[in-house]
Amino acid sequence: MKHRVYTLAASLLLGALLPLAGHAAEPVEPPAENATAVGRGGCVDVSVGGYKAPDYDCLSQQMGNNPDGAKATQMNQEAMQVPINKRAPNQMGLATPAATGTRMGNSFGTSVTPQRP
């Protein structure tokens, strides 16, 4: 008798939950192929367990669409490549009067022997 009651309860439960399982299996529309996150207007930040994970792909696309970026990169490279005749002496490994004065101490200009080693 108990076996029959359990079978009846299980079949009622299965009958009640079966339509819900069929509803969950409906296909989801795929996103349009050309619709990127930038085209939609924003990025989505996901929070999992209190840790926020930004969408780095979307952010890099937003940062990469700067029309003045190539010009700024070129100017930055030009600024970093200073001609050798315009560089400071300490950048080329040459001695400067200030560095030599510090090294020689109060004997700078009067003796070839430094005040301290």
Protein backbone atom coordinates (compact mmCIF):
# COMPACT_ATOMS: atom_id res chain seq x y z
CA MET A 1 0.00 0.00 0.00
CA LYS A 2 2.84 2.41 0.87
CA HIS A 3 4.52 1.66 -2.44
CA ARG A 4 1.36 2.59 -4.31
CA VAL A 5 1.07 5.91 -2.42
CA TYR A 6 4.68 6.81 -3.22
CA THR A 7 4.17 5.95 -6.88
CA LEU A 8 1.02 8.09 -7.02
CA ALA A 9 2.79 11.04 -5.31
CA ALA A 10 5.77 10.76 -7.64
CA SER A 11 3.58 10.69 -10.75
CA LEU A 12 1.58 13.73 -9.55
CA LEU A 13 4.78 15.63 -8.82
CA LEU A 14 6.24 14.68 -12.20
CA GLY A 15 3.01 15.71 -13.95
CA ALA A 16 3.06 19.08 -12.21
CA LEU A 17 6.72 19.82 -12.99
CA LEU A 18 6.82 18.52 -16.57
CA PRO A 19 5.28 21.66 -18.16
CA LEU A 20 7.82 23.82 -16.33
CA ALA A 21 10.70 21.80 -17.78
CA GLY A 22 9.27 22.18 -21.29
CA HIS A 23 8.97 25.93 -20.80
CA ALA A 24 12.62 26.21 -19.77
CA ALA A 25 13.74 24.48 -22.97
CA GLU A 26 12.46 27.22 -25.29
CA PRO A 27 15.16 28.46 -27.66
CA VAL A 28 16.70 31.85 -26.99
CA GLU A 29 17.09 34.33 -29.83
CA PRO A 30 20.74 34.73 -30.78
CA PRO A 31 22.04 38.31 -30.79
CA ALA A 32 22.52 40.06 -34.08
CA GLU A 33 25.94 39.39 -35.60
CA ASN A 34 26.86 43.03 -36.11
CA ALA A 35 25.57 44.29 -32.77
CA THR A 36 28.62 44.86 -30.60
CA ALA A 37 28.62 46.18 -27.07
CA VAL A 38 29.87 49.53 -28.31
CA GLY A 39 27.09 49.73 -30.89
CA ARG A 40 24.48 49.12 -28.20
CA GLY A 41 25.80 52.08 -26.28
CA GLY A 42 27.30 50.62 -23.13
CA CYS A 43 29.21 47.96 -21.31
CA VAL A 44 27.90 45.49 -18.76
CA ASP A 45 29.64 45.01 -15.41
CA VAL A 46 29.05 41.61 -13.83
CA SER A 47 29.15 41.14 -10.07
CA VAL A 48 29.89 37.64 -8.79
CA GLY A 49 30.23 37.06 -5.08
CA GLY A 50 30.74 40.76 -4.39
CA TYR A 51 33.57 41.06 -6.95
CA LYS A 52 32.85 43.30 -9.92
CA ALA A 53 34.23 42.10 -13.24
CA PRO A 54 34.03 44.73 -15.98
CA ASP A 55 33.71 43.80 -19.63
CA TYR A 56 37.30 44.46 -20.75
CA ASP A 57 36.55 43.63 -24.39
CA CYS A 58 33.90 46.33 -24.54
CA LEU A 59 36.10 48.85 -22.72
CA SER A 60 39.04 48.23 -25.03
CA GLN A 61 36.79 48.68 -28.07
CA GLN A 62 35.56 51.98 -26.67
CA MET A 63 39.09 53.18 -26.00
CA GLY A 64 40.38 52.03 -29.39
CA ASN A 65 37.95 54.09 -31.46
CA ASN A 66 39.73 57.39 -30.85
CA PRO A 67 40.53 59.05 -34.21
CA ASP A 68 43.28 61.18 -32.62
CA GLY A 69 44.94 58.13 -31.04
CA ALA A 70 47.33 57.41 -33.92
CA LYS A 71 48.49 61.02 -34.02
CA ALA A 72 49.02 61.08 -30.24
CA THR A 73 51.02 57.84 -30.40
CA GLN A 74 53.25 59.24 -33.14
CA MET A 75 53.89 62.46 -31.20
CA ASN A 76 54.68 60.46 -28.07
CA GLN A 77 57.25 58.35 -29.93
CA GLU A 78 58.85 61.49 -31.40
CA ALA A 79 59.06 63.09 -27.95
CA MET A 80 60.80 60.05 -26.49
CA GLN A 81 63.49 60.00 -29.20
CA VAL A 82 65.41 63.16 -28.33
CA PRO A 83 68.52 63.74 -30.50
CA ILE A 84 71.79 62.95 -28.71
CA ASN A 85 73.02 66.53 -28.86
CA LYS A 86 69.95 67.68 -26.91
CA ARG A 87 70.18 65.11 -24.10
CA ALA A 88 71.38 65.93 -20.60
CA PRO A 89 74.97 64.85 -19.84
CA ASN A 90 73.94 62.50 -17.02
CA GLN A 91 71.62 60.63 -19.43
CA MET A 92 74.64 59.87 -21.65
CA GLY A 93 76.92 58.84 -18.76
CA LEU A 94 79.05 62.01 -18.73
CA ALA A 95 80.26 63.77 -15.60
CA THR A 96 78.61 67.05 -14.70
CA PRO A 97 80.21 69.83 -12.64
CA ALA A 98 77.63 69.34 -9.87
CA ALA A 99 78.28 65.59 -9.63
CA THR A 100 82.05 66.09 -9.69
CA GLY A 101 81.80 68.79 -7.00
CA THR A 102 79.80 66.44 -4.80
CA ARG A 103 82.32 63.66 -5.29
CA MET A 104 85.41 65.83 -4.73
CA GLY A 105 84.07 67.77 -1.74
CA ASN A 106 85.82 71.01 -0.72
CA SER A 107 88.94 70.06 -2.70
CA PHE A 108 87.11 70.55 -6.01
CA GLY A 109 89.14 72.93 -8.15
CA THR A 110 92.14 72.94 -5.82
CA SER A 111 93.40 69.36 -5.83
CA VAL A 112 93.15 66.15 -7.82
CA THR A 113 92.69 64.14 -4.62
CA PRO A 114 89.08 64.01 -3.40
CA GLN A 115 88.18 65.12 0.12
CA ARG A 116 86.80 61.69 0.84
CA PRO A 117 87.06 58.44 -1.10
